[in-house]
Amino acid sequence: MVWRYGPMKGYWIVRCIYHNQEAFELYAEAATAIVKKNDGRFLVRGGNQVNKENAKLERTVLVEFPSYEVAQSVYAGEDYQNAVAHIKDCSFRDFVISEGL
């Protein structure tokens, strides 16, 4: 979709909890490089939050990409899937890819 000021952006909206700090740090380092390589930028990356309405996950991450298609492609890419392998067995995540302004 094209917004009147240009193409719609793509967003990763991630709510998560990790149970292994060492594995999380390996994932975070790899994911950060992948996001930057694909012109993404972190809008929210942890920090203070107040959970409301059944929200039990302790960390929120919001990443903006130049387009919805780029956001989908980066997630599906081999590099990102290799990064996710670090946290596969020690995390619970709610991961959404959304189109927005």
PDB file of N, CA and C in Angstrom:
ATOM      1  N   MET A   1       0.840  -1.164   0.000  1.00  0.00           N
ATOM      2  CA  MET A   1       0.000   0.000   0.000  1.00  0.00           C
ATOM      3  C   MET A   1       0.894   1.239   0.000  1.00  0.00           C
ATOM      4  N   VAL A   2       0.430   2.292  -0.643  1.00  0.00           N
ATOM      5  CA  VAL A   2       1.174   3.545  -0.680  1.00  0.00           C
ATOM      6  C   VAL A   2       0.358   4.609   0.033  1.00  0.00           C
ATOM      7  N   TRP A   3       0.970   5.228   0.996  1.00  0.00           N
ATOM      8  CA  TRP A   3       0.387   6.352   1.708  1.00  0.00           C
ATOM      9  C   TRP A   3       0.652   7.582   0.873  1.00  0.00           C
ATOM     10  N   ARG A   4      -0.089   8.632   1.034  1.00  0.00           N
ATOM     11  CA  ARG A   4       0.076   9.786   0.145  1.00  0.00           C
ATOM     12  C   ARG A   4       1.459  10.428   0.230  1.00  0.00           C
ATOM     13  N   TYR A   5       2.214  10.137   1.277  1.00  0.00           N
ATOM     14  CA  TYR A   5       3.561  10.681   1.411  1.00  0.00           C
ATOM     15  C   TYR A   5       4.636   9.656   1.074  1.00  0.00           C
ATOM     16  N   GLY A   6       4.256   8.524   0.531  1.00  0.00           N
ATOM     17  CA  GLY A   6       5.230   7.507   0.159  1.00  0.00           C
ATOM     18  C   GLY A   6       4.769   6.128   0.582  1.00  0.00           C
ATOM     19  N   PRO A   7       5.625   5.128   0.380  1.00  0.00           N
ATOM     20  CA  PRO A   7       5.239   3.759   0.730  1.00  0.00           C
ATOM     21  C   PRO A   7       5.052   3.593   2.240  1.00  0.00           C
ATOM     22  N   MET A   8       4.169   2.693   2.592  1.00  0.00           N
ATOM     23  CA  MET A   8       3.941   2.373   3.997  1.00  0.00           C
ATOM     24  C   MET A   8       5.183   1.671   4.537  1.00  0.00           C
ATOM     25  N   LYS A   9       5.452   1.898   5.795  1.00  0.00           N
ATOM     26  CA  LYS A   9       6.592   1.253   6.441  1.00  0.00           C
ATOM     27  C   LYS A   9       6.172  -0.092   7.020  1.00  0.00           C
ATOM     28  N   GLY A  10       7.158  -0.891   7.360  1.00  0.00           N
ATOM     29  CA  GLY A  10       6.907  -2.178   8.002  1.00  0.00           C
ATOM     30  C   GLY A  10       7.465  -2.158   9.408  1.00  0.00           C
ATOM     31  N   TYR A  11       6.769  -2.817  10.317  1.00  0.00           N
ATOM     32  CA  TYR A  11       7.179  -2.820  11.724  1.00  0.00           C
ATOM     33  C   TYR A  11       7.216  -4.232  12.274  1.00  0.00           C
ATOM     34  N   TRP A  12       8.229  -4.508  13.064  1.00  0.00           N
ATOM     35  CA  TRP A  12       8.253  -5.695  13.913  1.00  0.00           C
ATOM     36  C   TRP A  12       7.777  -5.231  15.281  1.00  0.00           C
ATOM     37  N   ILE A  13       6.764  -5.871  15.788  1.00  0.00           N
ATOM     38  CA  ILE A  13       6.268  -5.598  17.129  1.00  0.00           C
ATOM     39  C   ILE A  13       6.458  -6.886  17.914  1.00  0.00           C
ATOM     40  N   VAL A  14       7.359  -6.838  18.885  1.00  0.00           N
ATOM     41  CA  VAL A  14       7.758  -8.057  19.590  1.00  0.00           C
ATOM     42  C   VAL A  14       7.568  -7.869  21.089  1.00  0.00           C
ATOM     43  N   ARG A  15       6.818  -8.773  21.681  1.00  0.00           N
ATOM     44  CA  ARG A  15       6.699  -8.857  23.146  1.00  0.00           C
ATOM     45  C   ARG A  15       7.383 -10.154  23.526  1.00  0.00           C
ATOM     46  N   CYS A  16       8.241 -10.125  24.548  1.00  0.00           N
ATOM     47  CA  CYS A  16       9.047 -11.311  24.799  1.00  0.00           C
ATOM     48  C   CYS A  16       9.516 -11.424  26.244  1.00  0.00           C
ATOM     49  N   ILE A  17       9.946 -12.635  26.554  1.00  0.00           N
ATOM     50  CA  ILE A  17      10.615 -12.939  27.811  1.00  0.00           C
ATOM     51  C   ILE A  17      11.720 -13.947  27.487  1.00  0.00           C
ATOM     52  N   TYR A  18      12.890 -13.738  28.092  1.00  0.00           N
ATOM     53  CA  TYR A  18      14.038 -14.607  27.853  1.00  0.00           C
ATOM     54  C   TYR A  18      14.476 -15.232  29.165  1.00  0.00           C
ATOM     55  N   HIS A  19      14.933 -16.478  29.097  1.00  0.00           N
ATOM     56  CA  HIS A  19      15.331 -17.210  30.292  1.00  0.00           C
ATOM     57  C   HIS A  19      16.823 -17.533  30.330  1.00  0.00           C
ATOM     58  N   ASN A  20      17.578 -17.028  29.361  1.00  0.00           N
ATOM     59  CA  ASN A  20      19.020 -17.290  29.303  1.00  0.00           C
ATOM     60  C   ASN A  20      19.700 -16.021  28.789  1.00  0.00           C
ATOM     61  N   GLN A  21      20.304 -15.265  29.675  1.00  0.00           N
ATOM     62  CA  GLN A  21      20.896 -13.971  29.320  1.00  0.00           C
ATOM     63  C   GLN A  21      22.009 -14.114  28.287  1.00  0.00           C
ATOM     64  N   GLU A  22      22.821 -15.136  28.410  1.00  0.00           N
ATOM     65  CA  GLU A  22      23.924 -15.338  27.468  1.00  0.00           C
ATOM     66  C   GLU A  22      23.398 -15.584  26.051  1.00  0.00           C
ATOM     67  N   ALA A  23      22.395 -16.436  25.920  1.00  0.00           N
ATOM     68  CA  ALA A  23      21.795 -16.705  24.609  1.00  0.00           C
ATOM     69  C   ALA A  23      21.126 -15.448  24.062  1.00  0.00           C
ATOM     70  N   PHE A  24      20.446 -14.712  24.939  1.00  0.00           N
ATOM     71  CA  PHE A  24      19.794 -13.476  24.513  1.00  0.00           C
ATOM     72  C   PHE A  24      20.818 -12.482  23.969  1.00  0.00           C
ATOM     73  N   GLU A  25      21.951 -12.351  24.622  1.00  0.00           N
ATOM     74  CA  GLU A  25      22.978 -11.414  24.163  1.00  0.00           C
ATOM     75  C   GLU A  25      23.533 -11.803  22.796  1.00  0.00           C
ATOM     76  N   LEU A  26      23.699 -13.103  22.542  1.00  0.00           N
ATOM     77  CA  LEU A  26      24.132 -13.562  21.216  1.00  0.00           C
ATOM     78  C   LEU A  26      23.095 -13.196  20.161  1.00  0.00           C
ATOM     79  N   TYR A  27      21.829 -13.451  20.482  1.00  0.00           N
ATOM     80  CA  TYR A  27      20.738 -13.099  19.569  1.00  0.00           C
ATOM     81  C   TYR A  27      20.709 -11.590  19.330  1.00  0.00           C
ATOM     82  N   ALA A  28      20.745 -10.799  20.403  1.00  0.00           N
ATOM     83  CA  ALA A  28      20.619  -9.343  20.297  1.00  0.00           C
ATOM     84  C   ALA A  28      21.732  -8.746  19.443  1.00  0.00           C
ATOM     85  N   GLU A  29      22.944  -9.234  19.613  1.00  0.00           N
ATOM     86  CA  GLU A  29      24.069  -8.730  18.817  1.00  0.00           C
ATOM     87  C   GLU A  29      23.855  -9.019  17.329  1.00  0.00           C
ATOM     88  N   ALA A  30      23.470 -10.247  17.017  1.00  0.00           N
ATOM     89  CA  ALA A  30      23.238 -10.623  15.619  1.00  0.00           C
ATOM     90  C   ALA A  30      22.039  -9.875  15.043  1.00  0.00           C
ATOM     91  N   ALA A  31      20.942  -9.815  15.788  1.00  0.00           N
ATOM     92  CA  ALA A  31      19.725  -9.157  15.301  1.00  0.00           C
ATOM     93  C   ALA A  31      19.958  -7.668  15.062  1.00  0.00           C
ATOM     94  N   THR A  32      20.713  -7.026  15.933  1.00  0.00           N
ATOM     95  CA  THR A  32      21.006  -5.599  15.767  1.00  0.00           C
ATOM     96  C   THR A  32      21.727  -5.348  14.451  1.00  0.00           C
ATOM     97  N   ALA A  33      22.728  -6.153  14.156  1.00  0.00           N
ATOM     98  CA  ALA A  33      23.479  -5.996  12.906  1.00  0.00           C
ATOM     99  C   ALA A  33      22.584  -6.227  11.691  1.00  0.00           C
ATOM    100  N   ILE A  34      21.706  -7.207  11.772  1.00  0.00           N
ATOM    101  CA  ILE A  34      20.807  -7.528  10.656  1.00  0.00           C
ATOM    102  C   ILE A  34      19.814  -6.397  10.428  1.00  0.00           C
ATOM    103  N   VAL A  35      19.247  -5.873  11.497  1.00  0.00           N
ATOM    104  CA  VAL A  35      18.295  -4.757  11.381  1.00  0.00           C
ATOM    105  C   VAL A  35      18.983  -3.559  10.730  1.00  0.00           C
ATOM    106  N   LYS A  36      20.151  -3.196  11.215  1.00  0.00           N
ATOM    107  CA  LYS A  36      20.871  -2.037  10.665  1.00  0.00           C
ATOM    108  C   LYS A  36      21.256  -2.250   9.206  1.00  0.00           C
ATOM    109  N   LYS A  37      21.691  -3.461   8.869  1.00  0.00           N
ATOM    110  CA  LYS A  37      22.087  -3.790   7.494  1.00  0.00           C
ATOM    111  C   LYS A  37      20.920  -3.617   6.524  1.00  0.00           C
ATOM    112  N   ASN A  38      19.700  -3.768   7.022  1.00  0.00           N
ATOM    113  CA  ASN A  38      18.501  -3.683   6.184  1.00  0.00           C
ATOM    114  C   ASN A  38      17.744  -2.372   6.386  1.00  0.00           C
ATOM    115  N   ASP A  39      18.462  -1.341   6.817  1.00  0.00           N
ATOM    116  CA  ASP A  39      17.910   0.005   7.000  1.00  0.00           C
ATOM    117  C   ASP A  39      16.767   0.071   8.001  1.00  0.00           C
ATOM    118  N   GLY A  40      16.781  -0.853   8.955  1.00  0.00           N
ATOM    119  CA  GLY A  40      15.792  -0.802  10.029  1.00  0.00           C
ATOM    120  C   GLY A  40      16.301   0.055  11.167  1.00  0.00           C
ATOM    121  N   ARG A  41      15.370   0.471  12.020  1.00  0.00           N
ATOM    122  CA  ARG A  41      15.781   1.223  13.205  1.00  0.00           C
ATOM    123  C   ARG A  41      14.895   0.849  14.381  1.00  0.00           C
ATOM    124  N   PHE A  42      15.520   0.777  15.532  1.00  0.00           N
ATOM    125  CA  PHE A  42      14.807   0.434  16.759  1.00  0.00           C
ATOM    126  C   PHE A  42      14.103   1.676  17.292  1.00  0.00           C
ATOM    127  N   LEU A  43      12.786   1.581  17.471  1.00  0.00           N
ATOM    128  CA  LEU A  43      12.013   2.668  18.061  1.00  0.00           C
ATOM    129  C   LEU A  43      11.803   2.429  19.548  1.00  0.00           C
ATOM    130  N   VAL A  44      11.652   1.180  19.922  1.00  0.00           N
ATOM    131  CA  VAL A  44      11.525   0.768  21.324  1.00  0.00           C
ATOM    132  C   VAL A  44      12.406  -0.456  21.481  1.00  0.00           C
ATOM    133  N   ARG A  45      13.180  -0.474  22.559  1.00  0.00           N
ATOM    134  CA  ARG A  45      14.076  -1.615  22.766  1.00  0.00           C
ATOM    135  C   ARG A  45      14.207  -1.873  24.261  1.00  0.00           C
ATOM    136  N   GLY A  46      13.195  -2.540  24.802  1.00  0.00           N
ATOM    137  CA  GLY A  46      13.196  -2.775  26.239  1.00  0.00           C
ATOM    138  C   GLY A  46      12.812  -1.506  26.964  1.00  0.00           C
ATOM    139  N   GLY A  47      13.383  -1.305  28.127  1.00  0.00           N
ATOM    140  CA  GLY A  47      13.078  -0.112  28.903  1.00  0.00           C
ATOM    141  C   GLY A  47      11.858  -0.314  29.783  1.00  0.00           C
ATOM    142  N   ASN A  48      11.490   0.742  30.470  1.00  0.00           N
ATOM    143  CA  ASN A  48      10.345   0.674  31.379  1.00  0.00           C
ATOM    144  C   ASN A  48       9.049   0.514  30.610  1.00  0.00           C
ATOM    145  N   GLN A  49       8.158  -0.279  31.157  1.00  0.00           N
ATOM    146  CA  GLN A  49       6.824  -0.427  30.582  1.00  0.00           C
ATOM    147  C   GLN A  49       5.864  -0.813  31.691  1.00  0.00           C
ATOM    148  N   VAL A  50       4.605  -0.507  31.477  1.00  0.00           N
ATOM    149  CA  VAL A  50       3.540  -0.899  32.392  1.00  0.00           C
ATOM    150  C   VAL A  50       2.651  -1.864  31.624  1.00  0.00           C
ATOM    151  N   ASN A  51       2.510  -3.076  32.130  1.00  0.00           N
ATOM    152  CA  ASN A  51       1.685  -4.080  31.459  1.00  0.00           C
ATOM    153  C   ASN A  51       0.227  -3.914  31.856  1.00  0.00           C
ATOM    154  N   LYS A  52      -0.651  -3.931  30.874  1.00  0.00           N
ATOM    155  CA  LYS A  52      -2.095  -3.796  31.074  1.00  0.00           C
ATOM    156  C   LYS A  52      -2.812  -4.927  30.348  1.00  0.00           C
ATOM    157  N   GLU A  53      -3.979  -5.273  30.816  1.00  0.00           N
ATOM    158  CA  GLU A  53      -4.889  -6.199  30.133  1.00  0.00           C
ATOM    159  C   GLU A  53      -4.218  -7.497  29.694  1.00  0.00           C
ATOM    160  N   ASN A  54      -3.841  -8.297  30.631  1.00  0.00           N
ATOM    161  CA  ASN A  54      -3.283  -9.633  30.396  1.00  0.00           C
ATOM    162  C   ASN A  54      -1.874  -9.637  29.821  1.00  0.00           C
ATOM    163  N   ALA A  55      -1.233  -8.502  29.748  1.00  0.00           N
ATOM    164  CA  ALA A  55       0.131  -8.445  29.222  1.00  0.00           C
ATOM    165  C   ALA A  55       1.097  -8.977  30.276  1.00  0.00           C
ATOM    166  N   LYS A  56       1.731 -10.091  29.983  1.00  0.00           N
ATOM    167  CA  LYS A  56       2.624 -10.730  30.946  1.00  0.00           C
ATOM    168  C   LYS A  56       4.081 -10.760  30.479  1.00  0.00           C
ATOM    169  N   LEU A  57       4.319 -10.347  29.262  1.00  0.00           N
ATOM    170  CA  LEU A  57       5.678 -10.394  28.727  1.00  0.00           C
ATOM    171  C   LEU A  57       6.430  -9.133  29.136  1.00  0.00           C
ATOM    172  N   GLU A  58       7.670  -9.311  29.574  1.00  0.00           N
ATOM    173  CA  GLU A  58       8.374  -8.226  30.258  1.00  0.00           C
ATOM    174  C   GLU A  58       9.170  -7.288  29.360  1.00  0.00           C
ATOM    175  N   ARG A  59       9.305  -7.601  28.099  1.00  0.00           N
ATOM    176  CA  ARG A  59      10.126  -6.773  27.214  1.00  0.00           C
ATOM    177  C   ARG A  59       9.365  -6.505  25.925  1.00  0.00           C
ATOM    178  N   THR A  60       9.456  -5.274  25.434  1.00  0.00           N
ATOM    179  CA  THR A  60       8.830  -4.890  24.175  1.00  0.00           C
ATOM    180  C   THR A  60       9.896  -4.317  23.256  1.00  0.00           C
ATOM    181  N   VAL A  61       9.852  -4.731  21.989  1.00  0.00           N
ATOM    182  CA  VAL A  61      10.766  -4.206  20.977  1.00  0.00           C
ATOM    183  C   VAL A  61       9.924  -3.799  19.770  1.00  0.00           C
ATOM    184  N   LEU A  62      10.198  -2.607  19.249  1.00  0.00           N
ATOM    185  CA  LEU A  62       9.516  -2.109  18.059  1.00  0.00           C
ATOM    186  C   LEU A  62      10.585  -1.672  17.069  1.00  0.00           C
ATOM    187  N   VAL A  63      10.570  -2.295  15.886  1.00  0.00           N
ATOM    188  CA  VAL A  63      11.569  -2.000  14.858  1.00  0.00           C
ATOM    189  C   VAL A  63      10.844  -1.508  13.616  1.00  0.00           C
ATOM    190  N   GLU A  64      11.331  -0.412  13.046  1.00  0.00           N
ATOM    191  CA  GLU A  64      10.756   0.158  11.828  1.00  0.00           C
ATOM    192  C   GLU A  64      11.655  -0.164  10.640  1.00  0.00           C
ATOM    193  N   PHE A  65      11.042  -0.616   9.539  1.00  0.00           N
ATOM    194  CA  PHE A  65      11.752  -0.879   8.288  1.00  0.00           C
ATOM    195  C   PHE A  65      11.189   0.019   7.187  1.00  0.00           C
ATOM    196  N   PRO A  66      11.940   0.222   6.109  1.00  0.00           N
ATOM    197  CA  PRO A  66      11.488   1.107   5.039  1.00  0.00           C
ATOM    198  C   PRO A  66      10.156   0.693   4.408  1.00  0.00           C
ATOM    199  N   SER A  67       9.843  -0.599   4.443  1.00  0.00           N
ATOM    200  CA  SER A  67       8.575  -1.066   3.870  1.00  0.00           C
ATOM    201  C   SER A  67       8.131  -2.356   4.560  1.00  0.00           C
ATOM    202  N   TYR A  68       6.876  -2.662   4.387  1.00  0.00           N
ATOM    203  CA  TYR A  68       6.287  -3.895   4.913  1.00  0.00           C
ATOM    204  C   TYR A  68       6.994  -5.107   4.307  1.00  0.00           C
ATOM    205  N   GLU A  69       7.293  -5.014   3.017  1.00  0.00           N
ATOM    206  CA  GLU A  69       7.962  -6.118   2.320  1.00  0.00           C
ATOM    207  C   GLU A  69       9.364  -6.361   2.875  1.00  0.00           C
ATOM    208  N   VAL A  70      10.083  -5.291   3.170  1.00  0.00           N
ATOM    209  CA  VAL A  70      11.423  -5.442   3.750  1.00  0.00           C
ATOM    210  C   VAL A  70      11.321  -6.096   5.125  1.00  0.00           C
ATOM    211  N   ALA A  71      10.364  -5.659   5.932  1.00  0.00           N
ATOM    212  CA  ALA A  71      10.183  -6.245   7.268  1.00  0.00           C
ATOM    213  C   ALA A  71       9.935  -7.746   7.175  1.00  0.00           C
ATOM    214  N   GLN A  72       9.107  -8.166   6.224  1.00  0.00           N
ATOM    215  CA  GLN A  72       8.821  -9.591   6.045  1.00  0.00           C
ATOM    216  C   GLN A  72      10.048 -10.339   5.542  1.00  0.00           C
ATOM    217  N   SER A  73      10.739  -9.747   4.591  1.00  0.00           N
ATOM    218  CA  SER A  73      11.904 -10.396   3.992  1.00  0.00           C
ATOM    219  C   SER A  73      13.030 -10.590   5.006  1.00  0.00           C
ATOM    220  N   VAL A  74      13.278  -9.579   5.830  1.00  0.00           N
ATOM    221  CA  VAL A  74      14.336  -9.687   6.835  1.00  0.00           C
ATOM    222  C   VAL A  74      14.002 -10.793   7.825  1.00  0.00           C
ATOM    223  N   TYR A  75      12.754 -10.837   8.279  1.00  0.00           N
ATOM    224  CA  TYR A  75      12.351 -11.873   9.233  1.00  0.00           C
ATOM    225  C   TYR A  75      12.548 -13.271   8.638  1.00  0.00           C
ATOM    226  N   ALA A  76      12.164 -13.452   7.388  1.00  0.00           N
ATOM    227  CA  ALA A  76      12.234 -14.767   6.743  1.00  0.00           C
ATOM    228  C   ALA A  76      13.649 -15.138   6.303  1.00  0.00           C
ATOM    229  N   GLY A  77      14.542 -14.171   6.284  1.00  0.00           N
ATOM    230  CA  GLY A  77      15.888 -14.398   5.775  1.00  0.00           C
ATOM    231  C   GLY A  77      16.715 -15.346   6.631  1.00  0.00           C
ATOM    232  N   GLU A  78      17.662 -15.981   5.983  1.00  0.00           N
ATOM    233  CA  GLU A  78      18.536 -16.950   6.651  1.00  0.00           C
ATOM    234  C   GLU A  78      19.318 -16.322   7.803  1.00  0.00           C
ATOM    235  N   ASP A  79      19.810 -15.101   7.611  1.00  0.00           N
ATOM    236  CA  ASP A  79      20.592 -14.446   8.667  1.00  0.00           C
ATOM    237  C   ASP A  79      19.768 -14.278   9.939  1.00  0.00           C
ATOM    238  N   TYR A  80      18.550 -13.764   9.800  1.00  0.00           N
ATOM    239  CA  TYR A  80      17.734 -13.547  10.996  1.00  0.00           C
ATOM    240  C   TYR A  80      17.306 -14.875  11.612  1.00  0.00           C
ATOM    241  N   GLN A  81      16.963 -15.839  10.802  1.00  0.00           N
ATOM    242  CA  GLN A  81      16.556 -17.135  11.352  1.00  0.00           C
ATOM    243  C   GLN A  81      17.715 -17.810  12.093  1.00  0.00           C
ATOM    244  N   ASN A  82      18.940 -17.597  11.628  1.00  0.00           N
ATOM    245  CA  ASN A  82      20.108 -18.105  12.363  1.00  0.00           C
ATOM    246  C   ASN A  82      20.253 -17.394  13.706  1.00  0.00           C
ATOM    247  N   ALA A  83      19.969 -16.107  13.745  1.00  0.00           N
ATOM    248  CA  ALA A  83      20.019 -15.363  15.010  1.00  0.00           C
ATOM    249  C   ALA A  83      18.962 -15.877  15.977  1.00  0.00           C
ATOM    250  N   VAL A  84      17.768 -16.127  15.480  1.00  0.00           N
ATOM    251  CA  VAL A  84      16.663 -16.619  16.316  1.00  0.00           C
ATOM    252  C   VAL A  84      16.999 -17.982  16.919  1.00  0.00           C
ATOM    253  N   ALA A  85      17.813 -18.760  16.234  1.00  0.00           N
ATOM    254  CA  ALA A  85      18.187 -20.085  16.748  1.00  0.00           C
ATOM    255  C   ALA A  85      18.850 -19.992  18.123  1.00  0.00           C
ATOM    256  N   HIS A  86      19.502 -18.873  18.430  1.00  0.00           N
ATOM    257  CA  HIS A  86      20.141 -18.692  19.744  1.00  0.00           C
ATOM    258  C   HIS A  86      19.127 -18.704  20.884  1.00  0.00           C
ATOM    259  N   ILE A  87      17.902 -18.254  20.612  1.00  0.00           N
ATOM    260  CA  ILE A  87      16.914 -18.098  21.693  1.00  0.00           C
ATOM    261  C   ILE A  87      15.729 -19.050  21.572  1.00  0.00           C
ATOM    262  N   LYS A  88      15.787 -19.919  20.603  1.00  0.00           N
ATOM    263  CA  LYS A  88      14.655 -20.812  20.330  1.00  0.00           C
ATOM    264  C   LYS A  88      14.182 -21.572  21.562  1.00  0.00           C
ATOM    265  N   ASP A  89      15.102 -22.079  22.346  1.00  0.00           N
ATOM    266  CA  ASP A  89      14.737 -22.923  23.484  1.00  0.00           C
ATOM    267  C   ASP A  89      14.717 -22.186  24.818  1.00  0.00           C
ATOM    268  N   CYS A  90      14.912 -20.875  24.797  1.00  0.00           N
ATOM    269  CA  CYS A  90      14.965 -20.151  26.078  1.00  0.00           C
ATOM    270  C   CYS A  90      14.163 -18.855  26.050  1.00  0.00           C
ATOM    271  N   SER A  91      13.140 -18.808  25.195  1.00  0.00           N
ATOM    272  CA  SER A  91      12.350 -17.583  25.127  1.00  0.00           C
ATOM    273  C   SER A  91      10.901 -17.902  24.787  1.00  0.00           C
ATOM    274  N   PHE A  92      10.057 -16.933  25.089  1.00  0.00           N
ATOM    275  CA  PHE A  92       8.676 -16.950  24.617  1.00  0.00           C
ATOM    276  C   PHE A  92       8.449 -15.587  23.997  1.00  0.00           C
ATOM    277  N   ARG A  93       7.972 -15.565  22.739  1.00  0.00           N
ATOM    278  CA  ARG A  93       7.793 -14.294  22.037  1.00  0.00           C
ATOM    279  C   ARG A  93       6.448 -14.247  21.338  1.00  0.00           C
ATOM    280  N   ASP A  94       5.891 -13.064  21.326  1.00  0.00           N
ATOM    281  CA  ASP A  94       4.725 -12.739  20.511  1.00  0.00           C
ATOM    282  C   ASP A  94       5.256 -11.776  19.456  1.00  0.00           C
ATOM    283  N   PHE A  95       5.336 -12.221  18.210  1.00  0.00           N
ATOM    284  CA  PHE A  95       6.021 -11.472  17.151  1.00  0.00           C
ATOM    285  C   PHE A  95       5.021 -11.167  16.046  1.00  0.00           C
ATOM    286  N   VAL A  96       4.835  -9.884  15.757  1.00  0.00           N
ATOM    287  CA  VAL A  96       3.894  -9.451  14.723  1.00  0.00           C
ATOM    288  C   VAL A  96       4.641  -8.571  13.733  1.00  0.00           C
ATOM    289  N   ILE A  97       4.368  -8.758  12.448  1.00  0.00           N
ATOM    290  CA  ILE A  97       4.870  -7.842  11.426  1.00  0.00           C
ATOM    291  C   ILE A  97       3.661  -7.071  10.923  1.00  0.00           C
ATOM    292  N   SER A  98       3.751  -5.740  11.009  1.00  0.00           N
ATOM    293  CA  SER A  98       2.601  -4.901  10.689  1.00  0.00           C
ATOM    294  C   SER A  98       2.993  -3.797   9.720  1.00  0.00           C
ATOM    295  N   GLU A  99       2.036  -3.382   8.911  1.00  0.00           N
ATOM    296  CA  GLU A  99       2.226  -2.256   8.008  1.00  0.00           C
ATOM    297  C   GLU A  99       1.738  -0.993   8.712  1.00  0.00           C
ATOM    298  N   GLY A 100       2.439   0.114   8.516  1.00  0.00           N
ATOM    299  CA  GLY A 100       2.019   1.354   9.165  1.00  0.00           C
ATOM    300  C   GLY A 100       2.634   2.577   8.514  1.00  0.00           C
ATOM    301  N   LEU A 101       2.367   3.724   9.097  1.00  0.00           N
ATOM    302  CA  LEU A 101       2.853   4.998   8.561  1.00  0.00           C
ATOM    303  C   LEU A 101       4.303   5.236   8.910  1.00  0.00           C
TER     304      LEU A 101
END
